[in-house]
Every structure is written in C-alpha cells, then in structure tokens.
Full PDB file with SEQRES, HELIX, SHEET, SSBOND, CRYST1, ORIGX, SCALE, CONECT and MASTER records, all heavy atoms in Angstrom:
SEQRES   1 A   43  ILE GLY THR SER GLU VAL GLU MET VAL LEU ALA THR GLN          
SEQRES   2 A   43  CYS LEU LEU GLN ARG LYS PRO GLN THR LEU ASP VAL ARG          
SEQRES   3 A   43  VAL HIS GLY ARG LEU CYS ALA GLY VAL THR ALA LYS ASP          
SEQRES   4 A   43  LEU VAL LEU ALA                                              
HELIX    1 AA1 THR A    3  THR A   12  1                                  10    
HELIX    2 AA2 ALA A   37  LEU A   42  1                                   6    
CRYST1    1.000    1.000    1.000  90.00  90.00  90.00 P 1           1          
ORIGX1      1.000000  0.000000  0.000000        0.00000                         
ORIGX2      0.000000  1.000000  0.000000        0.00000                         
ORIGX3      0.000000  0.000000  1.000000        0.00000                         
SCALE1      1.000000  0.000000  0.000000        0.00000                         
SCALE2      0.000000  1.000000  0.000000        0.00000                         
SCALE3      0.000000  0.000000  1.000000        0.00000                         
ATOM      1  N   ILE A   1     -50.864 133.944 195.169  1.00  0.00           N  
ATOM      2  CA  ILE A   1     -49.883 134.071 194.095  1.00  0.00           C  
ATOM      3  C   ILE A   1     -48.505 134.381 194.679  1.00  0.00           C  
ATOM      4  O   ILE A   1     -48.363 134.719 195.878  1.00  0.00           O  
ATOM      5  CB  ILE A   1     -50.212 135.211 193.102  1.00  0.00           C  
ATOM      6  CG1 ILE A   1     -50.338 136.561 193.843  1.00  0.00           C  
ATOM      7  CG2 ILE A   1     -51.522 134.881 192.402  1.00  0.00           C  
ATOM      8  CD1 ILE A   1     -50.677 137.725 192.955  1.00  0.00           C  
ATOM      9  N   GLY A   2     -47.442 134.253 193.887  1.00  0.00           N  
ATOM     10  CA  GLY A   2     -46.069 134.475 194.343  1.00  0.00           C  
ATOM     11  C   GLY A   2     -45.674 135.928 194.228  1.00  0.00           C  
ATOM     12  O   GLY A   2     -46.392 136.766 193.685  1.00  0.00           O  
ATOM     13  N   THR A   3     -44.512 136.280 194.700  1.00  0.00           N  
ATOM     14  CA  THR A   3     -44.005 137.668 194.788  1.00  0.00           C  
ATOM     15  C   THR A   3     -43.920 138.269 193.385  1.00  0.00           C  
ATOM     16  O   THR A   3     -44.322 139.388 193.122  1.00  0.00           O  
ATOM     17  CB  THR A   3     -42.681 137.662 195.460  1.00  0.00           C  
ATOM     18  OG1 THR A   3     -42.794 137.123 196.754  1.00  0.00           O  
ATOM     19  CG2 THR A   3     -42.188 139.135 195.625  1.00  0.00           C  
ATOM     20  N   SER A   4     -43.330 137.563 192.411  1.00  0.00           N  
ATOM     21  CA  SER A   4     -43.181 138.059 191.066  1.00  0.00           C  
ATOM     22  C   SER A   4     -44.547 138.291 190.429  1.00  0.00           C  
ATOM     23  O   SER A   4     -44.743 139.223 189.617  1.00  0.00           O  
ATOM     24  CB  SER A   4     -42.356 137.112 190.194  1.00  0.00           C  
ATOM     25  OG  SER A   4     -42.978 135.840 190.104  1.00  0.00           O  
ATOM     26  N   GLU A   5     -45.579 137.444 190.814  1.00  0.00           N  
ATOM     27  CA  GLU A   5     -46.904 137.680 190.282  1.00  0.00           C  
ATOM     28  C   GLU A   5     -47.562 138.831 190.878  1.00  0.00           C  
ATOM     29  O   GLU A   5     -48.331 139.522 190.171  1.00  0.00           O  
ATOM     30  CB  GLU A   5     -47.744 136.373 190.522  1.00  0.00           C  
ATOM     31  CG  GLU A   5     -47.293 135.143 189.702  1.00  0.00           C  
ATOM     32  CD  GLU A   5     -48.030 133.928 190.068  1.00  0.00           C  
ATOM     33  OE1 GLU A   5     -48.132 133.547 191.217  1.00  0.00           O  
ATOM     34  OE2 GLU A   5     -48.610 133.319 189.116  1.00  0.00           O  
ATOM     35  N   VAL A   6     -47.297 139.115 192.129  1.00  0.00           N  
ATOM     36  CA  VAL A   6     -47.808 140.346 192.786  1.00  0.00           C  
ATOM     37  C   VAL A   6     -47.293 141.576 192.012  1.00  0.00           C  
ATOM     38  O   VAL A   6     -48.041 142.524 191.751  1.00  0.00           O  
ATOM     39  CB  VAL A   6     -47.358 140.436 194.275  1.00  0.00           C  
ATOM     40  CG1 VAL A   6     -47.716 141.803 194.837  1.00  0.00           C  
ATOM     41  CG2 VAL A   6     -48.050 139.311 195.090  1.00  0.00           C  
ATOM     42  N   GLU A   7     -46.030 141.546 191.669  1.00  0.00           N  
ATOM     43  CA  GLU A   7     -45.481 142.675 190.852  1.00  0.00           C  
ATOM     44  C   GLU A   7     -46.221 142.829 189.562  1.00  0.00           C  
ATOM     45  O   GLU A   7     -46.577 143.949 189.093  1.00  0.00           O  
ATOM     46  CB  GLU A   7     -44.027 142.355 190.602  1.00  0.00           C  
ATOM     47  CG  GLU A   7     -43.314 143.470 189.767  1.00  0.00           C  
ATOM     48  CD  GLU A   7     -41.885 143.071 189.408  1.00  0.00           C  
ATOM     49  OE1 GLU A   7     -41.483 141.881 189.603  1.00  0.00           O  
ATOM     50  OE2 GLU A   7     -41.128 143.960 189.047  1.00  0.00           O  
ATOM     51  N   MET A   8     -46.566 141.670 188.893  1.00  0.00           N  
ATOM     52  CA  MET A   8     -47.238 141.763 187.646  1.00  0.00           C  
ATOM     53  C   MET A   8     -48.624 142.277 187.784  1.00  0.00           C  
ATOM     54  O   MET A   8     -49.116 143.069 186.917  1.00  0.00           O  
ATOM     55  CB  MET A   8     -47.312 140.330 186.982  1.00  0.00           C  
ATOM     56  CG  MET A   8     -47.908 140.232 185.612  1.00  0.00           C  
ATOM     57  SD  MET A   8     -47.001 141.178 184.381  1.00  0.00           S  
ATOM     58  CE  MET A   8     -45.501 140.259 184.344  1.00  0.00           C  
ATOM     59  N   VAL A   9     -49.331 141.942 188.815  1.00  0.00           N  
ATOM     60  CA  VAL A   9     -50.719 142.427 189.091  1.00  0.00           C  
ATOM     61  C   VAL A   9     -50.665 143.918 189.350  1.00  0.00           C  
ATOM     62  O   VAL A   9     -51.500 144.676 188.786  1.00  0.00           O  
ATOM     63  CB  VAL A   9     -51.299 141.671 190.244  1.00  0.00           C  
ATOM     64  CG1 VAL A   9     -52.655 142.358 190.713  1.00  0.00           C  
ATOM     65  CG2 VAL A   9     -51.560 140.209 189.914  1.00  0.00           C  
ATOM     66  N   LEU A  10     -49.747 144.389 190.148  1.00  0.00           N  
ATOM     67  CA  LEU A  10     -49.674 145.788 190.461  1.00  0.00           C  
ATOM     68  C   LEU A  10     -49.318 146.615 189.213  1.00  0.00           C  
ATOM     69  O   LEU A  10     -49.762 147.723 189.058  1.00  0.00           O  
ATOM     70  CB  LEU A  10     -48.608 146.049 191.542  1.00  0.00           C  
ATOM     71  CG  LEU A  10     -49.014 145.574 192.989  1.00  0.00           C  
ATOM     72  CD1 LEU A  10     -47.819 145.762 193.923  1.00  0.00           C  
ATOM     73  CD2 LEU A  10     -50.165 146.424 193.496  1.00  0.00           C  
ATOM     74  N   ALA A  11     -48.547 146.026 188.298  1.00  0.00           N  
ATOM     75  CA  ALA A  11     -48.101 146.754 187.108  1.00  0.00           C  
ATOM     76  C   ALA A  11     -49.158 146.712 186.010  1.00  0.00           C  
ATOM     77  O   ALA A  11     -49.297 147.722 185.256  1.00  0.00           O  
ATOM     78  CB  ALA A  11     -46.814 146.169 186.591  1.00  0.00           C  
ATOM     79  N   THR A  12     -49.918 145.636 185.897  1.00  0.00           N  
ATOM     80  CA  THR A  12     -50.793 145.482 184.726  1.00  0.00           C  
ATOM     81  C   THR A  12     -52.239 145.197 185.024  1.00  0.00           C  
ATOM     82  O   THR A  12     -53.031 145.241 184.085  1.00  0.00           O  
ATOM     83  CB  THR A  12     -50.246 144.384 183.824  1.00  0.00           C  
ATOM     84  OG1 THR A  12     -50.430 143.099 184.496  1.00  0.00           O  
ATOM     85  CG2 THR A  12     -48.778 144.510 183.511  1.00  0.00           C  
ATOM     86  N   GLN A  13     -52.520 144.773 186.281  1.00  0.00           N  
ATOM     87  CA  GLN A  13     -53.847 144.253 186.610  1.00  0.00           C  
ATOM     88  C   GLN A  13     -54.203 143.008 185.883  1.00  0.00           C  
ATOM     89  O   GLN A  13     -55.363 142.619 185.810  1.00  0.00           O  
ATOM     90  CB  GLN A  13     -54.948 145.353 186.337  1.00  0.00           C  
ATOM     91  CG  GLN A  13     -54.819 146.507 187.350  1.00  0.00           C  
ATOM     92  CD  GLN A  13     -55.309 146.139 188.805  1.00  0.00           C  
ATOM     93  OE1 GLN A  13     -56.446 145.921 189.072  1.00  0.00           O  
ATOM     94  NE2 GLN A  13     -54.327 145.983 189.653  1.00  0.00           N  
ATOM     95  N   CYS A  14     -53.249 142.341 185.368  1.00  0.00           N  
ATOM     96  CA  CYS A  14     -53.415 141.102 184.665  1.00  0.00           C  
ATOM     97  C   CYS A  14     -52.484 140.003 185.166  1.00  0.00           C  
ATOM     98  O   CYS A  14     -51.483 140.334 185.775  1.00  0.00           O  
ATOM     99  CB  CYS A  14     -53.179 141.215 183.108  1.00  0.00           C  
ATOM    100  SG  CYS A  14     -54.286 142.406 182.308  1.00  0.00           S  
ATOM    101  N   LEU A  15     -52.874 138.747 184.918  1.00  0.00           N  
ATOM    102  CA  LEU A  15     -52.112 137.666 185.418  1.00  0.00           C  
ATOM    103  C   LEU A  15     -52.293 136.454 184.535  1.00  0.00           C  
ATOM    104  O   LEU A  15     -53.460 135.990 184.319  1.00  0.00           O  
ATOM    105  CB  LEU A  15     -52.446 137.309 186.883  1.00  0.00           C  
ATOM    106  CG  LEU A  15     -51.528 136.358 187.640  1.00  0.00           C  
ATOM    107  CD1 LEU A  15     -50.101 136.957 187.758  1.00  0.00           C  
ATOM    108  CD2 LEU A  15     -52.071 136.153 189.022  1.00  0.00           C  
ATOM    109  N   LEU A  16     -51.239 135.910 183.979  1.00  0.00           N  
ATOM    110  CA  LEU A  16     -51.394 134.723 183.105  1.00  0.00           C  
ATOM    111  C   LEU A  16     -51.595 133.447 183.931  1.00  0.00           C  
ATOM    112  O   LEU A  16     -50.894 133.186 184.879  1.00  0.00           O  
ATOM    113  CB  LEU A  16     -50.083 134.551 182.292  1.00  0.00           C  
ATOM    114  CG  LEU A  16     -50.069 133.400 181.239  1.00  0.00           C  
ATOM    115  CD1 LEU A  16     -51.064 133.673 180.147  1.00  0.00           C  
ATOM    116  CD2 LEU A  16     -48.678 133.261 180.651  1.00  0.00           C  
ATOM    117  N   GLN A  17     -52.690 132.754 183.579  1.00  0.00           N  
ATOM    118  CA  GLN A  17     -53.055 131.554 184.313  1.00  0.00           C  
ATOM    119  C   GLN A  17     -53.481 130.429 183.389  1.00  0.00           C  
ATOM    120  O   GLN A  17     -53.922 130.685 182.278  1.00  0.00           O  
ATOM    121  CB  GLN A  17     -54.253 131.804 185.282  1.00  0.00           C  
ATOM    122  CG  GLN A  17     -53.964 132.779 186.380  1.00  0.00           C  
ATOM    123  CD  GLN A  17     -53.104 132.200 187.515  1.00  0.00           C  
ATOM    124  OE1 GLN A  17     -53.528 131.287 188.197  1.00  0.00           O  
ATOM    125  NE2 GLN A  17     -51.901 132.639 187.593  1.00  0.00           N  
ATOM    126  N   ARG A  18     -53.241 129.128 183.843  1.00  0.00           N  
ATOM    127  CA  ARG A  18     -53.846 128.023 183.113  1.00  0.00           C  
ATOM    128  C   ARG A  18     -55.211 127.773 183.680  1.00  0.00           C  
ATOM    129  O   ARG A  18     -55.447 127.902 184.864  1.00  0.00           O  
ATOM    130  CB  ARG A  18     -52.977 126.785 183.368  1.00  0.00           C  
ATOM    131  CG  ARG A  18     -51.642 126.776 182.640  1.00  0.00           C  
ATOM    132  CD  ARG A  18     -50.920 125.462 182.794  1.00  0.00           C  
ATOM    133  NE  ARG A  18     -49.696 125.359 182.007  1.00  0.00           N  
ATOM    134  CZ  ARG A  18     -48.508 125.847 182.413  1.00  0.00           C  
ATOM    135  NH1 ARG A  18     -48.387 126.322 183.661  1.00  0.00           N  
ATOM    136  NH2 ARG A  18     -47.454 125.747 181.661  1.00  0.00           N  
ATOM    137  N   LYS A  19     -56.126 127.462 182.800  1.00  0.00           N  
ATOM    138  CA  LYS A  19     -57.483 127.210 183.201  1.00  0.00           C  
ATOM    139  C   LYS A  19     -57.594 125.972 184.072  1.00  0.00           C  
ATOM    140  O   LYS A  19     -57.113 124.878 183.644  1.00  0.00           O  
ATOM    141  CB  LYS A  19     -58.389 127.032 182.030  1.00  0.00           C  
ATOM    142  CG  LYS A  19     -59.905 126.884 182.376  1.00  0.00           C  
ATOM    143  CD  LYS A  19     -60.739 126.725 181.114  1.00  0.00           C  
ATOM    144  CE  LYS A  19     -62.257 126.491 181.433  1.00  0.00           C  
ATOM    145  NZ  LYS A  19     -63.058 126.295 180.304  1.00  0.00           N  
ATOM    146  N   PRO A  20     -58.099 126.091 185.290  1.00  0.00           N  
ATOM    147  CA  PRO A  20     -58.180 124.966 186.151  1.00  0.00           C  
ATOM    148  C   PRO A  20     -59.370 124.046 185.826  1.00  0.00           C  
ATOM    149  O   PRO A  20     -60.295 124.430 185.082  1.00  0.00           O  
ATOM    150  CB  PRO A  20     -58.373 125.564 187.540  1.00  0.00           C  
ATOM    151  CG  PRO A  20     -59.165 126.809 187.270  1.00  0.00           C  
ATOM    152  CD  PRO A  20     -58.595 127.306 185.956  1.00  0.00           C  
ATOM    153  N   GLN A  21     -59.326 122.858 186.322  1.00  0.00           N  
ATOM    154  CA  GLN A  21     -60.495 121.933 186.231  1.00  0.00           C  
ATOM    155  C   GLN A  21     -61.471 122.331 187.385  1.00  0.00           C  
ATOM    156  O   GLN A  21     -61.150 123.054 188.288  1.00  0.00           O  
ATOM    157  CB  GLN A  21     -60.027 120.457 186.383  1.00  0.00           C  
ATOM    158  CG  GLN A  21     -59.228 119.956 185.142  1.00  0.00           C  
ATOM    159  CD  GLN A  21     -58.903 118.520 185.298  1.00  0.00           C  
ATOM    160  OE1 GLN A  21     -58.133 118.103 186.174  1.00  0.00           O  
ATOM    161  NE2 GLN A  21     -59.469 117.740 184.465  1.00  0.00           N  
ATOM    162  N   THR A  22     -62.648 121.726 187.312  1.00  0.00           N  
ATOM    163  CA  THR A  22     -63.671 122.073 188.271  1.00  0.00           C  
ATOM    164  C   THR A  22     -64.059 120.846 189.116  1.00  0.00           C  
ATOM    165  O   THR A  22     -64.173 119.781 188.604  1.00  0.00           O  
ATOM    166  CB  THR A  22     -64.931 122.621 187.570  1.00  0.00           C  
ATOM    167  OG1 THR A  22     -65.378 121.694 186.615  1.00  0.00           O  
ATOM    168  CG2 THR A  22     -64.618 123.977 186.867  1.00  0.00           C  
ATOM    169  N   LEU A  23     -64.227 121.101 190.410  1.00  0.00           N  
ATOM    170  CA  LEU A  23     -64.597 120.010 191.324  1.00  0.00           C  
ATOM    171  C   LEU A  23     -65.801 120.463 192.142  1.00  0.00           C  
ATOM    172  O   LEU A  23     -65.784 121.478 192.875  1.00  0.00           O  
ATOM    173  CB  LEU A  23     -63.415 119.718 192.263  1.00  0.00           C  
ATOM    174  CG  LEU A  23     -63.674 118.831 193.465  1.00  0.00           C  
ATOM    175  CD1 LEU A  23     -64.234 117.477 193.055  1.00  0.00           C  
ATOM    176  CD2 LEU A  23     -62.370 118.673 194.305  1.00  0.00           C  
ATOM    177  N   ASP A  24     -66.915 119.753 191.987  1.00  0.00           N  
ATOM    178  CA  ASP A  24     -68.128 120.047 192.708  1.00  0.00           C  
ATOM    179  C   ASP A  24     -68.213 119.229 193.974  1.00  0.00           C  
ATOM    180  O   ASP A  24     -68.220 117.956 193.949  1.00  0.00           O  
ATOM    181  CB  ASP A  24     -69.327 119.633 191.793  1.00  0.00           C  
ATOM    182  CG  ASP A  24     -70.676 119.940 192.392  1.00  0.00           C  
ATOM    183  OD1 ASP A  24     -70.770 120.864 193.214  1.00  0.00           O  
ATOM    184  OD2 ASP A  24     -71.633 119.183 192.167  1.00  0.00           O  
ATOM    185  N   VAL A  25     -68.177 119.912 195.138  1.00  0.00           N  
ATOM    186  CA  VAL A  25     -68.260 119.213 196.415  1.00  0.00           C  
ATOM    187  C   VAL A  25     -69.664 119.585 196.985  1.00  0.00           C  
ATOM    188  O   VAL A  25     -69.923 120.703 197.403  1.00  0.00           O  
ATOM    189  CB  VAL A  25     -67.142 119.620 197.381  1.00  0.00           C  
ATOM    190  CG1 VAL A  25     -67.399 119.028 198.769  1.00  0.00           C  
ATOM    191  CG2 VAL A  25     -65.850 119.213 196.819  1.00  0.00           C  
ATOM    192  N   ARG A  26     -70.546 118.579 196.998  1.00  0.00           N  
ATOM    193  CA  ARG A  26     -71.931 118.815 197.556  1.00  0.00           C  
ATOM    194  C   ARG A  26     -71.946 118.262 198.993  1.00  0.00           C  
ATOM    195  O   ARG A  26     -71.661 117.033 199.228  1.00  0.00           O  
ATOM    196  CB  ARG A  26     -72.952 118.068 196.765  1.00  0.00           C  
ATOM    197  CG  ARG A  26     -72.989 118.542 195.321  1.00  0.00           C  
ATOM    198  CD  ARG A  26     -73.836 119.829 195.245  1.00  0.00           C  
ATOM    199  NE  ARG A  26     -73.248 120.818 194.306  1.00  0.00           N  
ATOM    200  CZ  ARG A  26     -73.701 121.955 194.005  1.00  0.00           C  
ATOM    201  NH1 ARG A  26     -74.848 122.419 194.605  1.00  0.00           N  
ATOM    202  NH2 ARG A  26     -73.096 122.753 193.157  1.00  0.00           N  
ATOM    203  N   VAL A  27     -72.359 119.065 199.948  1.00  0.00           N  
ATOM    204  CA  VAL A  27     -72.351 118.666 201.361  1.00  0.00           C  
ATOM    205  C   VAL A  27     -73.804 118.744 201.803  1.00  0.00           C  
ATOM    206  O   VAL A  27     -74.425 119.849 201.775  1.00  0.00           O  
ATOM    207  CB  VAL A  27     -71.478 119.573 202.203  1.00  0.00           C  
ATOM    208  CG1 VAL A  27     -71.395 119.010 203.666  1.00  0.00           C  
ATOM    209  CG2 VAL A  27     -70.057 119.677 201.579  1.00  0.00           C  
ATOM    210  N   HIS A  28     -74.325 117.560 202.268  1.00  0.00           N  
ATOM    211  CA  HIS A  28     -75.706 117.467 202.634  1.00  0.00           C  
ATOM    212  C   HIS A  28     -75.839 117.278 204.132  1.00  0.00           C  
ATOM    213  O   HIS A  28     -74.918 116.782 204.823  1.00  0.00           O  
ATOM    214  CB  HIS A  28     -76.390 116.341 201.884  1.00  0.00           C  
ATOM    215  CG  HIS A  28     -76.225 116.466 200.389  1.00  0.00           C  
ATOM    216  ND1 HIS A  28     -76.939 117.383 199.642  1.00  0.00           N  
ATOM    217  CD2 HIS A  28     -75.393 115.796 199.578  1.00  0.00           C  
ATOM    218  CE1 HIS A  28     -76.565 117.206 198.357  1.00  0.00           C  
ATOM    219  NE2 HIS A  28     -75.655 116.294 198.287  1.00  0.00           N  
ATOM    220  N   GLY A  29     -77.000 117.602 204.675  1.00  0.00           N  
ATOM    221  CA  GLY A  29     -77.258 117.416 206.137  1.00  0.00           C  
ATOM    222  C   GLY A  29     -77.134 118.752 206.845  1.00  0.00           C  
ATOM    223  O   GLY A  29     -77.110 119.809 206.248  1.00  0.00           O  
ATOM    224  N   ARG A  30     -76.983 118.671 208.204  1.00  0.00           N  
ATOM    225  CA  ARG A  30     -76.859 119.883 208.988  1.00  0.00           C  
ATOM    226  C   ARG A  30     -75.934 119.611 210.156  1.00  0.00           C  
ATOM    227  O   ARG A  30     -75.936 118.462 210.680  1.00  0.00           O  
ATOM    228  CB  ARG A  30     -78.277 120.260 209.536  1.00  0.00           C  
ATOM    229  CG  ARG A  30     -78.397 121.763 209.876  1.00  0.00           C  
ATOM    230  CD  ARG A  30     -79.831 122.176 210.152  1.00  0.00           C  
ATOM    231  NE  ARG A  30     -79.957 123.638 210.336  1.00  0.00           N  
ATOM    232  CZ  ARG A  30     -80.135 124.479 209.355  1.00  0.00           C  
ATOM    233  NH1 ARG A  30     -80.237 124.007 208.094  1.00  0.00           N  
ATOM    234  NH2 ARG A  30     -80.230 125.791 209.580  1.00  0.00           N  
ATOM    235  N   LEU A  31     -75.185 120.626 210.485  1.00  0.00           N  
ATOM    236  CA  LEU A  31     -74.251 120.464 211.623  1.00  0.00           C  
ATOM    237  C   LEU A  31     -74.993 120.275 212.981  1.00  0.00           C  
ATOM    238  O   LEU A  31     -75.938 120.981 213.288  1.00  0.00           O  
ATOM    239  CB  LEU A  31     -73.365 121.717 211.774  1.00  0.00           C  
ATOM    240  CG  LEU A  31     -72.428 121.993 210.620  1.00  0.00           C  
ATOM    241  CD1 LEU A  31     -71.765 123.332 210.738  1.00  0.00           C  
ATOM    242  CD2 LEU A  31     -71.384 120.914 210.466  1.00  0.00           C  
ATOM    243  N   CYS A  32     -74.549 119.306 213.737  1.00  0.00           N  
ATOM    244  CA  CYS A  32     -75.120 119.031 215.057  1.00  0.00           C  
ATOM    245  C   CYS A  32     -74.481 119.903 216.071  1.00  0.00           C  
ATOM    246  O   CYS A  32     -73.427 120.550 215.809  1.00  0.00           O  
ATOM    247  CB  CYS A  32     -74.945 117.585 215.442  1.00  0.00           C  
ATOM    248  SG  CYS A  32     -75.770 116.369 214.285  1.00  0.00           S  
ATOM    249  N   ALA A  33     -75.037 119.962 217.259  1.00  0.00           N  
ATOM    250  CA  ALA A  33     -74.481 120.778 218.371  1.00  0.00           C  
ATOM    251  C   ALA A  33     -73.055 120.323 218.666  1.00  0.00           C  
ATOM    252  O   ALA A  33     -72.748 119.067 218.688  1.00  0.00           O  
ATOM    253  CB  ALA A  33     -75.326 120.566 219.611  1.00  0.00           C  
ATOM    254  N   GLY A  34     -72.150 121.250 218.801  1.00  0.00           N  
ATOM    255  CA  GLY A  34     -70.743 120.947 219.099  1.00  0.00           C  
ATOM    256  C   GLY A  34     -69.923 120.718 217.864  1.00  0.00           C  
ATOM    257  O   GLY A  34     -68.690 120.531 217.942  1.00  0.00           O  
ATOM    258  N   VAL A  35     -70.548 120.663 216.648  1.00  0.00           N  
ATOM    259  CA  VAL A  35     -69.869 120.436 215.426  1.00  0.00           C  
ATOM    260  C   VAL A  35     -69.889 121.704 214.575  1.00  0.00           C  
ATOM    261  O   VAL A  35     -70.952 122.383 214.523  1.00  0.00           O  
ATOM    262  CB  VAL A  35     -70.526 119.270 214.667  1.00  0.00           C  
ATOM    263  CG1 VAL A  35     -69.702 118.946 213.337  1.00  0.00           C  
ATOM    264  CG2 VAL A  35     -70.606 118.001 215.509  1.00  0.00           C  
ATOM    265  N   THR A  36     -68.774 122.102 214.004  1.00  0.00           N  
ATOM    266  CA  THR A  36     -68.656 123.402 213.386  1.00  0.00           C  
ATOM    267  C   THR A  36     -68.212 123.306 211.901  1.00  0.00           C  
ATOM    268  O   THR A  36     -67.933 122.133 211.409  1.00  0.00           O  
ATOM    269  CB  THR A  36     -67.568 124.207 214.106  1.00  0.00           C  
ATOM    270  OG1 THR A  36     -66.252 123.700 213.829  1.00  0.00           O  
ATOM    271  CG2 THR A  36     -67.781 124.234 215.652  1.00  0.00           C  
ATOM    272  N   ALA A  37     -68.120 124.439 211.248  1.00  0.00           N  
ATOM    273  CA  ALA A  37     -67.663 124.447 209.860  1.00  0.00           C  
ATOM    274  C   ALA A  37     -66.233 123.966 209.802  1.00  0.00           C  
ATOM    275  O   ALA A  37     -65.806 123.414 208.733  1.00  0.00           O  
ATOM    276  CB  ALA A  37     -67.779 125.882 209.354  1.00  0.00           C  
ATOM    277  N   LYS A  38     -65.450 124.125 210.827  1.00  0.00           N  
ATOM    278  CA  LYS A  38     -64.037 123.642 210.807  1.00  0.00           C  
ATOM    279  C   LYS A  38     -64.093 122.100 210.701  1.00  0.00           C  
ATOM    280  O   LYS A  38     -63.303 121.507 209.976  1.00  0.00           O  
ATOM    281  CB  LYS A  38     -63.301 124.075 212.052  1.00  0.00           C  
ATOM    282  CG  LYS A  38     -61.847 123.644 212.140  1.00  0.00           C  
ATOM    283  CD  LYS A  38     -61.004 124.223 211.033  1.00  0.00           C  
ATOM    284  CE  LYS A  38     -59.514 124.195 211.328  1.00  0.00           C  
ATOM    285  NZ  LYS A  38     -59.137 125.121 212.425  1.00  0.00           N  
ATOM    286  N   ASP A  39     -64.978 121.464 211.454  1.00  0.00           N  
ATOM    287  CA  ASP A  39     -65.134 120.000 211.360  1.00  0.00           C  
ATOM    288  C   ASP A  39     -65.577 119.578 210.000  1.00  0.00           C  
ATOM    289  O   ASP A  39     -65.112 118.596 209.431  1.00  0.00           O  
ATOM    290  CB  ASP A  39     -66.106 119.511 212.463  1.00  0.00           C  
ATOM    291  CG  ASP A  39     -65.676 119.941 213.813  1.00  0.00           C  
ATOM    292  OD1 ASP A  39     -64.518 119.538 214.261  1.00  0.00           O  
ATOM    293  OD2 ASP A  39     -66.452 120.675 214.533  1.00  0.00           O  
ATOM    294  N   LEU A  40     -66.477 120.392 209.436  1.00  0.00           N  
ATOM    295  CA  LEU A  40     -67.002 120.082 208.050  1.00  0.00           C  
ATOM    296  C   LEU A  40     -65.860 120.072 207.075  1.00  0.00           C  
ATOM    297  O   LEU A  40     -65.686 119.128 206.274  1.00  0.00           O  
ATOM    298  CB  LEU A  40     -68.047 121.112 207.716  1.00  0.00           C  
ATOM    299  CG  LEU A  40     -68.844 120.931 206.413  1.00  0.00           C  
ATOM    300  CD1 LEU A  40     -70.182 121.737 206.470  1.00  0.00           C  
ATOM    301  CD2 LEU A  40     -68.055 121.415 205.195  1.00  0.00           C  
ATOM    302  N   VAL A  41     -65.062 121.106 207.041  1.00  0.00           N  
ATOM    303  CA  VAL A  41     -64.061 121.166 206.011  1.00  0.00           C  
ATOM    304  C   VAL A  41     -62.881 120.148 206.315  1.00  0.00           C  
ATOM    305  O   VAL A  41     -62.317 119.613 205.371  1.00  0.00           O  
ATOM    306  CB  VAL A  41     -63.434 122.620 205.938  1.00  0.00           C  
ATOM    307  CG1 VAL A  41     -62.555 123.003 207.070  1.00  0.00           C  
ATOM    308  CG2 VAL A  41     -62.686 122.763 204.587  1.00  0.00           C  
ATOM    309  N   LEU A  42     -62.560 119.853 207.561  1.00  0.00           N  
ATOM    310  CA  LEU A  42     -61.632 118.795 207.849  1.00  0.00           C  
ATOM    311  C   LEU A  42     -62.183 117.410 207.302  1.00  0.00           C  
ATOM    312  O   LEU A  42     -61.403 116.609 206.778  1.00  0.00           O  
ATOM    313  CB  LEU A  42     -61.440 118.670 209.311  1.00  0.00           C  
ATOM    314  CG  LEU A  42     -60.489 119.721 209.923  1.00  0.00           C  
ATOM    315  CD1 LEU A  42     -60.441 119.622 211.459  1.00  0.00           C  
ATOM    316  CD2 LEU A  42     -59.067 119.674 209.375  1.00  0.00           C  
ATOM    317  N   ALA A  43     -63.486 117.210 207.371  1.00  0.00           N  
ATOM    318  CA  ALA A  43     -64.108 115.972 206.865  1.00  0.00           C  
ATOM    319  C   ALA A  43     -64.023 115.982 205.356  1.00  0.00           C  
ATOM    320  O   ALA A  43     -63.705 114.939 204.724  1.00  0.00           O  
ATOM    321  CB  ALA A  43     -65.533 115.907 207.280  1.00  0.00           C  
TER     322      ALA A  43                                                      
MASTER        0    0    0    2    0    0    0    6  321    1    0    4          
END                                                                             
C-alpha cells in the first residue's frame, strides 16, 4: 500500500479497496535437481 494508506491503517485498522478478480495458477510436476522455486515463479 501507499504512504497515505499506511496512515489510514494505523488510524482506523481499515482500508477501502476494490474487490479484485481471481486467478488460479495450477503448477504440476516436481522441481528437478538444480531447479528452484525462483525458476518456477520466473516461468
């Protein structure tokens, strides 16, 4: 969040937001030797 929103959270514990859409990312298989979670998320 931005600086003005930080102020709002500290003052009220609330924050006005627009409801986001949802994106389902299904990742199948298994990481091979030498391949990491960083490679997974870059992919």
